[in-house]
PDB file of N, CA and C in Angstrom:
ATOM      1  N   MET A   1     208.145  76.668  71.590  1.00  0.00           N
ATOM      2  CA  MET A   1     207.400  77.558  72.441  1.00  0.00           C
ATOM      3  C   MET A   1     208.229  78.811  72.686  1.00  0.00           C
ATOM      4  N   LEU A   2     207.570  79.948  72.586  1.00  0.00           N
ATOM      5  CA  LEU A   2     208.224  81.223  72.875  1.00  0.00           C
ATOM      6  C   LEU A   2     208.082  81.550  74.357  1.00  0.00           C
ATOM      7  N   ILE A   3     209.134  82.090  74.917  1.00  0.00           N
ATOM      8  CA  ILE A   3     209.090  82.589  76.292  1.00  0.00           C
ATOM      9  C   ILE A   3     209.352  84.084  76.234  1.00  0.00           C
ATOM     10  N   ILE A   4     208.443  84.837  76.831  1.00  0.00           N
ATOM     11  CA  ILE A   4     208.604  86.283  76.973  1.00  0.00           C
ATOM     12  C   ILE A   4     208.704  86.580  78.462  1.00  0.00           C
ATOM     13  N   LYS A   5     209.849  87.139  78.861  1.00  0.00           N
ATOM     14  CA  LYS A   5     210.039  87.532  80.261  1.00  0.00           C
ATOM     15  C   LYS A   5     209.659  88.994  80.408  1.00  0.00           C
ATOM     16  N   VAL A   6     208.805  89.280  81.367  1.00  0.00           N
ATOM     17  CA  VAL A   6     208.442  90.663  81.659  1.00  0.00           C
ATOM     18  C   VAL A   6     209.067  91.060  82.992  1.00  0.00           C
ATOM     19  N   ASN A   7     209.400  92.334  83.120  1.00  0.00           N
ATOM     20  CA  ASN A   7     210.042  92.794  84.357  1.00  0.00           C
ATOM     21  C   ASN A   7     209.061  93.446  85.322  1.00  0.00           C
ATOM     22  N   GLU A   8     207.809  93.578  84.897  1.00  0.00           N
ATOM     23  CA  GLU A   8     206.744  94.031  85.792  1.00  0.00           C
ATOM     24  C   GLU A   8     205.431  93.464  85.285  1.00  0.00           C
ATOM     25  N   VAL A   9     204.483  93.300  86.195  1.00  0.00           N
ATOM     26  CA  VAL A   9     203.206  92.684  85.837  1.00  0.00           C
ATOM     27  C   VAL A   9     202.147  93.772  85.679  1.00  0.00           C
ATOM     28  N   PRO A  10     201.573  93.892  84.482  1.00  0.00           N
ATOM     29  CA  PRO A  10     200.472  94.837  84.307  1.00  0.00           C
ATOM     30  C   PRO A  10     199.296  94.458  85.210  1.00  0.00           C
ATOM     31  N   ASN A  11     198.397  95.402  85.462  1.00  0.00           N
ATOM     32  CA  ASN A  11     197.310  95.157  86.415  1.00  0.00           C
ATOM     33  C   ASN A  11     196.064  94.541  85.789  1.00  0.00           C
ATOM     34  N   SER A  12     196.143  94.087  84.538  1.00  0.00           N
ATOM     35  CA  SER A  12     194.991  93.423  83.926  1.00  0.00           C
ATOM     36  C   SER A  12     195.471  92.381  82.922  1.00  0.00           C
ATOM     37  N   LYS A  13     194.581  91.444  82.588  1.00  0.00           N
ATOM     38  CA  LYS A  13     194.898  90.426  81.587  1.00  0.00           C
ATOM     39  C   LYS A  13     195.173  91.067  80.233  1.00  0.00           C
ATOM     40  N   GLU A  14     194.379  92.059  79.882  1.00  0.00           N
ATOM     41  CA  GLU A  14     194.583  92.750  78.602  1.00  0.00           C
ATOM     42  C   GLU A  14     195.902  93.520  78.604  1.00  0.00           C
ATOM     43  N   GLY A  15     196.252  94.091  79.743  1.00  0.00           N
ATOM     44  CA  GLY A  15     197.525  94.799  79.858  1.00  0.00           C
ATOM     45  C   GLY A  15     198.703  93.858  79.664  1.00  0.00           C
ATOM     46  N   LEU A  16     198.607  92.659  80.232  1.00  0.00           N
ATOM     47  CA  LEU A  16     199.665  91.669  80.063  1.00  0.00           C
ATOM     48  C   LEU A  16     199.755  91.230  78.604  1.00  0.00           C
ATOM     49  N   LYS A  17     198.619  90.953  78.004  1.00  0.00           N
ATOM     50  CA  LYS A  17     198.606  90.541  76.602  1.00  0.00           C
ATOM     51  C   LYS A  17     199.224  91.613  75.716  1.00  0.00           C
ATOM     52  N   GLU A  18     198.879  92.865  75.955  1.00  0.00           N
ATOM     53  CA  GLU A  18     199.427  93.977  75.169  1.00  0.00           C
ATOM     54  C   GLU A  18     200.937  94.099  75.385  1.00  0.00           C
ATOM     55  N   ARG A  19     201.376  93.881  76.616  1.00  0.00           N
ATOM     56  CA  ARG A  19     202.805  93.981  76.934  1.00  0.00           C
ATOM     57  C   ARG A  19     203.621  92.915  76.209  1.00  0.00           C
ATOM     58  N   VAL A  20     203.131  91.690  76.140  1.00  0.00           N
ATOM     59  CA  VAL A  20     203.929  90.606  75.557  1.00  0.00           C
ATOM     60  C   VAL A  20     203.761  90.480  74.047  1.00  0.00           C
ATOM     61  N   ARG A  21     202.807  91.149  73.464  1.00  0.00           N
ATOM     62  CA  ARG A  21     202.519  90.918  72.052  1.00  0.00           C
ATOM     63  C   ARG A  21     203.439  91.664  71.083  1.00  0.00           C
ATOM     64  N   ARG A  22     204.163  92.685  71.537  1.00  0.00           N
ATOM     65  CA  ARG A  22     204.889  93.473  70.533  1.00  0.00           C
ATOM     66  C   ARG A  22     206.258  93.973  70.993  1.00  0.00           C
ATOM     67  N   ALA A  23     207.044  94.341  69.963  1.00  0.00           N
ATOM     68  CA  ALA A  23     208.341  95.008  70.105  1.00  0.00           C
ATOM     69  C   ALA A  23     209.434  94.090  70.660  1.00  0.00           C
ATOM     70  N   TRP A  24     209.511  92.864  70.117  1.00  0.00           N
ATOM     71  CA  TRP A  24     210.545  91.930  70.556  1.00  0.00           C
ATOM     72  C   TRP A  24     211.604  91.766  69.481  1.00  0.00           C
ATOM     73  N   ARG A  25     212.829  91.664  69.912  1.00  0.00           N
ATOM     74  CA  ARG A  25     213.950  91.468  68.998  1.00  0.00           C
ATOM     75  C   ARG A  25     214.204  89.966  68.879  1.00  0.00           C
ATOM     76  N   ILE A  26     213.779  89.412  67.753  1.00  0.00           N
ATOM     77  CA  ILE A  26     214.014  88.000  67.468  1.00  0.00           C
ATOM     78  C   ILE A  26     213.935  87.813  65.959  1.00  0.00           C
ATOM     79  N   ASN A  27     214.746  86.927  65.445  1.00  0.00           N
ATOM     80  CA  ASN A  27     214.773  86.641  64.015  1.00  0.00           C
ATOM     81  C   ASN A  27     213.484  85.915  63.626  1.00  0.00           C
ATOM     82  N   THR A  28     212.738  86.472  62.678  1.00  0.00           N
ATOM     83  CA  THR A  28     211.457  85.851  62.288  1.00  0.00           C
ATOM     84  C   THR A  28     211.642  84.474  61.665  1.00  0.00           C
ATOM     85  N   ASP A  29     212.816  84.185  61.115  1.00  0.00           N
ATOM     86  CA  ASP A  29     213.071  82.842  60.578  1.00  0.00           C
ATOM     87  C   ASP A  29     213.005  81.781  61.668  1.00  0.00           C
ATOM     88  N   ARG A  30     213.310  82.159  62.891  1.00  0.00           N
ATOM     89  CA  ARG A  30     213.266  81.214  64.014  1.00  0.00           C
ATOM     90  C   ARG A  30     211.845  80.983  64.530  1.00  0.00           C
ATOM     91  N   LEU A  31     210.914  81.834  64.140  1.00  0.00           N
ATOM     92  CA  LEU A  31     209.549  81.740  64.656  1.00  0.00           C
ATOM     93  C   LEU A  31     208.685  80.717  63.925  1.00  0.00           C
ATOM     94  N   TYR A  32     209.187  80.190  62.814  1.00  0.00           N
ATOM     95  CA  TYR A  32     208.428  79.203  62.056  1.00  0.00           C
ATOM     96  C   TYR A  32     208.019  78.053  62.970  1.00  0.00           C
ATOM     97  N   ASN A  33     206.755  77.719  62.935  1.00  0.00           N
ATOM     98  CA  ASN A  33     206.194  76.584  63.668  1.00  0.00           C
ATOM     99  C   ASN A  33     206.110  76.801  65.185  1.00  0.00           C
ATOM    100  N   GLN A  34     206.261  78.028  65.662  1.00  0.00           N
ATOM    101  CA  GLN A  34     206.074  78.312  67.087  1.00  0.00           C
ATOM    102  C   GLN A  34     204.601  78.639  67.309  1.00  0.00           C
ATOM    103  N   LYS A  35     203.906  77.776  68.030  1.00  0.00           N
ATOM    104  CA  LYS A  35     202.459  77.888  68.165  1.00  0.00           C
ATOM    105  C   LYS A  35     202.001  78.465  69.503  1.00  0.00           C
ATOM    106  N   GLU A  36     202.883  78.438  70.510  1.00  0.00           N
ATOM    107  CA  GLU A  36     202.502  78.933  71.830  1.00  0.00           C
ATOM    108  C   GLU A  36     203.543  79.906  72.360  1.00  0.00           C
ATOM    109  N   LEU A  37     203.065  80.811  73.211  1.00  0.00           N
ATOM    110  CA  LEU A  37     203.907  81.811  73.857  1.00  0.00           C
ATOM    111  C   LEU A  37     203.526  81.843  75.324  1.00  0.00           C
ATOM    112  N   ILE A  38     204.517  81.835  76.199  1.00  0.00           N
ATOM    113  CA  ILE A  38     204.229  81.958  77.628  1.00  0.00           C
ATOM    114  C   ILE A  38     204.824  83.267  78.143  1.00  0.00           C
ATOM    115  N   ALA A  39     204.067  83.937  78.996  1.00  0.00           N
ATOM    116  CA  ALA A  39     204.510  85.163  79.654  1.00  0.00           C
ATOM    117  C   ALA A  39     205.021  84.777  81.037  1.00  0.00           C
ATOM    118  N   VAL A  40     206.263  85.156  81.340  1.00  0.00           N
ATOM    119  CA  VAL A  40     206.922  84.743  82.582  1.00  0.00           C
ATOM    120  C   VAL A  40     207.384  85.977  83.353  1.00  0.00           C
ATOM    121  N   TYR A  41     207.121  85.953  84.661  1.00  0.00           N
ATOM    122  CA  TYR A  41     207.609  86.997  85.561  1.00  0.00           C
ATOM    123  C   TYR A  41     208.285  86.324  86.752  1.00  0.00           C
ATOM    124  N   LYS A  42     209.581  86.589  86.910  1.00  0.00           N
ATOM    125  CA  LYS A  42     210.375  86.003  88.000  1.00  0.00           C
ATOM    126  C   LYS A  42     210.167  84.499  88.096  1.00  0.00           C
ATOM    127  N   GLY A  43     210.147  83.841  86.940  1.00  0.00           N
ATOM    128  CA  GLY A  43     210.047  82.391  86.883  1.00  0.00           C
ATOM    129  C   GLY A  43     208.639  81.828  86.895  1.00  0.00           C
ATOM    130  N   GLU A  44     207.641  82.659  87.194  1.00  0.00           N
ATOM    131  CA  GLU A  44     206.258  82.172  87.232  1.00  0.00           C
ATOM    132  C   GLU A  44     205.583  82.394  85.884  1.00  0.00           C
ATOM    133  N   ILE A  45     204.935  81.351  85.388  1.00  0.00           N
ATOM    134  CA  ILE A  45     204.204  81.455  84.132  1.00  0.00           C
ATOM    135  C   ILE A  45     202.882  82.141  84.418  1.00  0.00           C
ATOM    136  N   LEU A  46     202.757  83.372  83.931  1.00  0.00           N
ATOM    137  CA  LEU A  46     201.563  84.173  84.190  1.00  0.00           C
ATOM    138  C   LEU A  46     200.421  83.819  83.247  1.00  0.00           C
ATOM    139  N   GLU A  47     200.764  83.558  81.989  1.00  0.00           N
ATOM    140  CA  GLU A  47     199.725  83.317  80.991  1.00  0.00           C
ATOM    141  C   GLU A  47     200.311  82.517  79.838  1.00  0.00           C
ATOM    142  N   VAL A  48     199.435  81.794  79.151  1.00  0.00           N
ATOM    143  CA  VAL A  48     199.816  81.022  77.966  1.00  0.00           C
ATOM    144  C   VAL A  48     198.930  81.484  76.819  1.00  0.00           C
ATOM    145  N   TYR A  49     199.558  81.757  75.678  1.00  0.00           N
ATOM    146  CA  TYR A  49     198.841  82.252  74.511  1.00  0.00           C
ATOM    147  C   TYR A  49     199.106  81.370  73.298  1.00  0.00           C
ATOM    148  N   LYS A  50     198.132  81.304  72.430  1.00  0.00           N
ATOM    149  CA  LYS A  50     198.303  80.703  71.113  1.00  0.00           C
ATOM    150  C   LYS A  50     198.787  81.820  70.183  1.00  0.00           C
ATOM    151  N   VAL A  51     199.839  81.549  69.408  1.00  0.00           N
ATOM    152  CA  VAL A  51     200.349  82.519  68.448  1.00  0.00           C
ATOM    153  C   VAL A  51     199.537  82.369  67.166  1.00  0.00           C
ATOM    154  N   LEU A  52     198.728  83.380  66.869  1.00  0.00           N
ATOM    155  CA  LEU A  52     197.899  83.348  65.662  1.00  0.00           C
ATOM    156  C   LEU A  52     198.696  83.797  64.443  1.00  0.00           C
ATOM    157  N   SER A  53     199.560  84.797  64.631  1.00  0.00           N
ATOM    158  CA  SER A  53     200.421  85.280  63.554  1.00  0.00           C
ATOM    159  C   SER A  53     201.492  86.173  64.157  1.00  0.00           C
ATOM    160  N   TYR A  54     202.457  86.553  63.312  1.00  0.00           N
ATOM    161  CA  TYR A  54     203.515  87.469  63.727  1.00  0.00           C
ATOM    162  C   TYR A  54     204.020  88.213  62.499  1.00  0.00           C
ATOM    163  N   GLY A  55     204.681  89.323  62.755  1.00  0.00           N
ATOM    164  CA  GLY A  55     205.229  90.122  61.664  1.00  0.00           C
ATOM    165  C   GLY A  55     205.985  91.311  62.201  1.00  0.00           C
ATOM    166  N   LYS A  56     206.385  92.187  61.311  1.00  0.00           N
ATOM    167  CA  LYS A  56     207.136  93.375  61.702  1.00  0.00           C
ATOM    168  C   LYS A  56     206.254  94.283  62.559  1.00  0.00           C
ATOM    169  N   ASP A  57     206.799  94.743  63.661  1.00  0.00           N
ATOM    170  CA  ASP A  57     206.087  95.670  64.533  1.00  0.00           C
ATOM    171  C   ASP A  57     205.835  96.971  63.777  1.00  0.00           C
ATOM    172  N   GLN A  58     204.657  97.530  63.921  1.00  0.00           N
ATOM    173  CA  GLN A  58     204.295  98.750  63.198  1.00  0.00           C
ATOM    174  C   GLN A  58     204.952 100.008  63.757  1.00  0.00           C
ATOM    175  N   ILE A  59     205.366  99.964  65.017  1.00  0.00           N
ATOM    176  CA  ILE A  59     205.968 101.135  65.651  1.00  0.00           C
ATOM    177  C   ILE A  59     207.497 101.040  65.650  1.00  0.00           C
ATOM    178  N   GLU A  60     208.014  99.903  66.053  1.00  0.00           N
ATOM    179  CA  GLU A  60     209.460  99.684  66.076  1.00  0.00           C
ATOM    180  C   GLU A  60     209.799  98.677  64.977  1.00  0.00           C
ATOM    181  N   GLU A  61     210.206  99.170  63.833  1.00  0.00           N
ATOM    182  CA  GLU A  61     210.325  98.371  62.617  1.00  0.00           C
ATOM    183  C   GLU A  61     211.300  97.207  62.695  1.00  0.00           C
ATOM    184  N   LYS A  62     212.312  97.293  63.519  1.00  0.00           N
ATOM    185  CA  LYS A  62     213.281  96.200  63.619  1.00  0.00           C
ATOM    186  C   LYS A  62     212.889  95.179  64.673  1.00  0.00           C
ATOM    187  N   ARG A  63     211.661  95.255  65.132  1.00  0.00           N
ATOM    188  CA  ARG A  63     211.146  94.350  66.163  1.00  0.00           C
ATOM    189  C   ARG A  63     209.967  93.554  65.614  1.00  0.00           C
ATOM    190  N   VAL A  64     209.577  92.525  66.365  1.00  0.00           N
ATOM    191  CA  VAL A  64     208.500  91.626  65.949  1.00  0.00           C
ATOM    192  C   VAL A  64     207.287  91.834  66.854  1.00  0.00           C
ATOM    193  N   ALA A  65     206.112  91.721  66.262  1.00  0.00           N
ATOM    194  CA  ALA A  65     204.855  91.775  67.017  1.00  0.00           C
ATOM    195  C   ALA A  65     204.072  90.492  66.740  1.00  0.00           C
ATOM    196  N   PHE A  66     203.282  90.071  67.727  1.00  0.00           N
ATOM    197  CA  PHE A  66     202.493  88.848  67.629  1.00  0.00           C
ATOM    198  C   PHE A  66     201.009  89.169  67.738  1.00  0.00           C
ATOM    199  N   GLU A  67     200.195  88.359  67.086  1.00  0.00           N
ATOM    200  CA  GLU A  67     198.762  88.354  67.339  1.00  0.00           C
ATOM    201  C   GLU A  67     198.524  87.129  68.204  1.00  0.00           C
ATOM    202  N   LEU A  68     197.927  87.345  69.383  1.00  0.00           N
ATOM    203  CA  LEU A  68     197.817  86.284  70.390  1.00  0.00           C
ATOM    204  C   LEU A  68     196.379  86.027  70.791  1.00  0.00           C
ATOM    205  N   GLU A  69     196.145  84.791  71.238  1.00  0.00           N
ATOM    206  CA  GLU A  69     194.855  84.405  71.808  1.00  0.00           C
ATOM    207  C   GLU A  69     195.135  83.651  73.100  1.00  0.00           C
ATOM    208  N   GLU A  70     194.518  84.068  74.186  1.00  0.00           N
ATOM    209  CA  GLU A  70     194.698  83.401  75.470  1.00  0.00           C
ATOM    210  C   GLU A  70     194.123  81.993  75.397  1.00  0.00           C
ATOM    211  N   ILE A  71     194.867  81.015  75.921  1.00  0.00           N
ATOM    212  CA  ILE A  71     194.386  79.632  75.949  1.00  0.00           C
ATOM    213  C   ILE A  71     194.563  79.067  77.355  1.00  0.00           C
ATOM    214  N   SER A  72     193.794  78.035  77.660  1.00  0.00           N
ATOM    215  CA  SER A  72     193.966  77.372  78.957  1.00  0.00           C
ATOM    216  C   SER A  72     195.142  76.404  78.844  1.00  0.00           C
ATOM    217  N   SER A  73     195.887  76.274  79.930  1.00  0.00           N
ATOM    218  CA  SER A  73     197.057  75.413  79.927  1.00  0.00           C
ATOM    219  C   SER A  73     197.404  75.019  81.352  1.00  0.00           C
ATOM    220  N   GLU A  74     197.907  73.803  81.502  1.00  0.00           N
ATOM    221  CA  GLU A  74     198.374  73.343  82.807  1.00  0.00           C
ATOM    222  C   GLU A  74     199.652  74.064  83.237  1.00  0.00           C
ATOM    223  N   LEU A  75     200.311  74.733  82.314  1.00  0.00           N
ATOM    224  CA  LEU A  75     201.550  75.443  82.634  1.00  0.00           C
ATOM    225  C   LEU A  75     201.301  76.715  83.441  1.00  0.00           C
ATOM    226  N   LYS A  76     200.139  77.313  83.283  1.00  0.00           N
ATOM    227  CA  LYS A  76     199.832  78.581  83.946  1.00  0.00           C
ATOM    228  C   LYS A  76     199.942  78.432  85.465  1.00  0.00           C
ATOM    229  N   GLY A  77     200.683  79.352  86.065  1.00  0.00           N
ATOM    230  CA  GLY A  77     200.868  79.347  87.511  1.00  0.00           C
ATOM    231  C   GLY A  77     202.066  78.545  87.984  1.00  0.00           C
ATOM    232  N   LYS A  78     202.667  77.754  87.115  1.00  0.00           N
ATOM    233  CA  LYS A  78     203.839  76.966  87.506  1.00  0.00           C
ATOM    234  C   LYS A  78     205.080  77.841  87.491  1.00  0.00           C
ATOM    235  N   LYS A  79     206.075  77.426  88.260  1.00  0.00           N
ATOM    236  CA  LYS A  79     207.355  78.121  88.330  1.00  0.00           C
ATOM    237  C   LYS A  79     208.368  77.340  87.507  1.00  0.00           C
ATOM    238  N   ILE A  80     209.145  78.082  86.711  1.00  0.00           N
ATOM    239  CA  ILE A  80     210.203  77.449  85.936  1.00  0.00           C
ATOM    240  C   ILE A  80     211.539  78.060  86.311  1.00  0.00           C
ATOM    241  N   ILE A  81     212.584  77.281  86.095  1.00  0.00           N
ATOM    242  CA  ILE A  81     213.940  77.774  86.274  1.00  0.00           C
ATOM    243  C   ILE A  81     214.414  78.153  84.877  1.00  0.00           C
ATOM    244  N   TYR A  82     214.631  79.438  84.694  1.00  0.00           N
ATOM    245  CA  TYR A  82     214.915  79.972  83.367  1.00  0.00           C
ATOM    246  C   TYR A  82     215.925  81.080  83.525  1.00  0.00           C
ATOM    247  N   LYS A  83     217.187  80.812  83.196  1.00  0.00           N
ATOM    248  CA  LYS A  83     218.260  81.725  83.566  1.00  0.00           C
ATOM    249  C   LYS A  83     218.785  82.615  82.453  1.00  0.00           C
ATOM    250  N   THR A  84     218.230  82.559  81.278  1.00  0.00           N
ATOM    251  CA  THR A  84     218.745  83.411  80.210  1.00  0.00           C
ATOM    252  C   THR A  84     218.365  84.876  80.444  1.00  0.00           C
ATOM    253  N   ALA A  85     219.233  85.774  80.020  1.00  0.00           N
ATOM    254  CA  ALA A  85     218.960  87.203  80.166  1.00  0.00           C
ATOM    255  C   ALA A  85     218.073  87.722  79.043  1.00  0.00           C
ATOM    256  N   ASN A  86     218.014  86.987  77.931  1.00  0.00           N
ATOM    257  CA  ASN A  86     217.228  87.428  76.778  1.00  0.00           C
ATOM    258  C   ASN A  86     215.734  87.372  77.118  1.00  0.00           C
ATOM    259  N   PRO A  87     215.007  88.461  76.955  1.00  0.00           N
ATOM    260  CA  PRO A  87     213.589  88.457  77.335  1.00  0.00           C
ATOM    261  C   PRO A  87     212.674  87.742  76.345  1.00  0.00           C
ATOM    262  N   CYS A  88     213.163  87.405  75.154  1.00  0.00           N
ATOM    263  CA  CYS A  88     212.337  86.715  74.159  1.00  0.00           C
ATOM    264  C   CYS A  88     213.153  85.583  73.553  1.00  0.00           C
ATOM    265  N   THR A  89     212.811  84.355  73.905  1.00  0.00           N
ATOM    266  CA  THR A  89     213.556  83.205  73.401  1.00  0.00           C
ATOM    267  C   THR A  89     212.603  82.068  73.048  1.00  0.00           C
ATOM    268  N   ILE A  90     213.175  81.061  72.421  1.00  0.00           N
ATOM    269  CA  ILE A  90     212.419  79.873  72.035  1.00  0.00           C
ATOM    270  C   ILE A  90     212.987  78.678  72.804  1.00  0.00           C
ATOM    271  N   VAL A  91     212.081  77.829  73.292  1.00  0.00           N
ATOM    272  CA  VAL A  91     212.488  76.639  74.030  1.00  0.00           C
ATOM    273  C   VAL A  91     211.489  75.528  73.713  1.00  0.00           C
ATOM    274  N   ASP A  92     211.964  74.278  73.735  1.00  0.00           N
ATOM    275  CA  ASP A  92     211.057  73.138  73.634  1.00  0.00           C
ATOM    276  C   ASP A  92     210.386  72.955  74.978  1.00  0.00           C
ATOM    277  N   VAL A  93     209.095  72.722  74.973  1.00  0.00           N
ATOM    278  CA  VAL A  93     208.365  72.564  76.234  1.00  0.00           C
ATOM    279  C   VAL A  93     208.937  71.412  77.047  1.00  0.00           C
ATOM    280  N   GLU A  94     209.480  70.401  76.377  1.00  0.00           N
ATOM    281  CA  GLU A  94     210.086  69.264  77.091  1.00  0.00           C
ATOM    282  C   GLU A  94     211.345  69.673  77.831  1.00  0.00           C
ATOM    283  N   ASP A  95     211.957  70.779  77.432  1.00  0.00           N
ATOM    284  CA  ASP A  95     213.191  71.249  78.072  1.00  0.00           C
ATOM    285  C   ASP A  95     212.957  72.193  79.252  1.00  0.00           C
ATOM    286  N   LEU A  96     211.703  72.548  79.510  1.00  0.00           N
ATOM    287  CA  LEU A  96     211.419  73.415  80.654  1.00  0.00           C
ATOM    288  C   LEU A  96     211.754  72.695  81.949  1.00  0.00           C
ATOM    289  N   VAL A  97     212.394  73.411  82.859  1.00  0.00           N
ATOM    290  CA  VAL A  97     212.743  72.868  84.170  1.00  0.00           C
ATOM    291  C   VAL A  97     211.862  73.563  85.192  1.00  0.00           C
ATOM    292  N   PHE A  98     211.063  72.771  85.907  1.00  0.00           N
ATOM    293  CA  PHE A  98     210.124  73.330  86.879  1.00  0.00           C
ATOM    294  C   PHE A  98     210.740  73.372  88.256  1.00  0.00           C
ATOM    295  N   ALA A  99     210.435  74.442  88.975  1.00  0.00           N
ATOM    296  CA  ALA A  99     210.973  74.640  90.333  1.00  0.00           C
ATOM    297  C   ALA A  99     210.164  73.835  91.331  1.00  0.00           C
TER     298      ALA A  99
END
């Protein structure tokens, strides 16, 4: 599962989706088999997305962009303890620590 940390919350669902979908620095080799992405703000899971595809960002070439679809999930609205400074990382859902 991918975790994207945002430092501010857009004022719409589409704004959040647009914010988390592109311009992330992560090795694409690590993205193999990553099917879900969660958007997190100050430890709260704002949204859960299905990763439809990913590739080189069209604007920032050394970054990655995702094609996402919003999905329902029990994780939405939960608080996690997540202390890494990296805004885009991969974690096993079993390793998430809930507050």
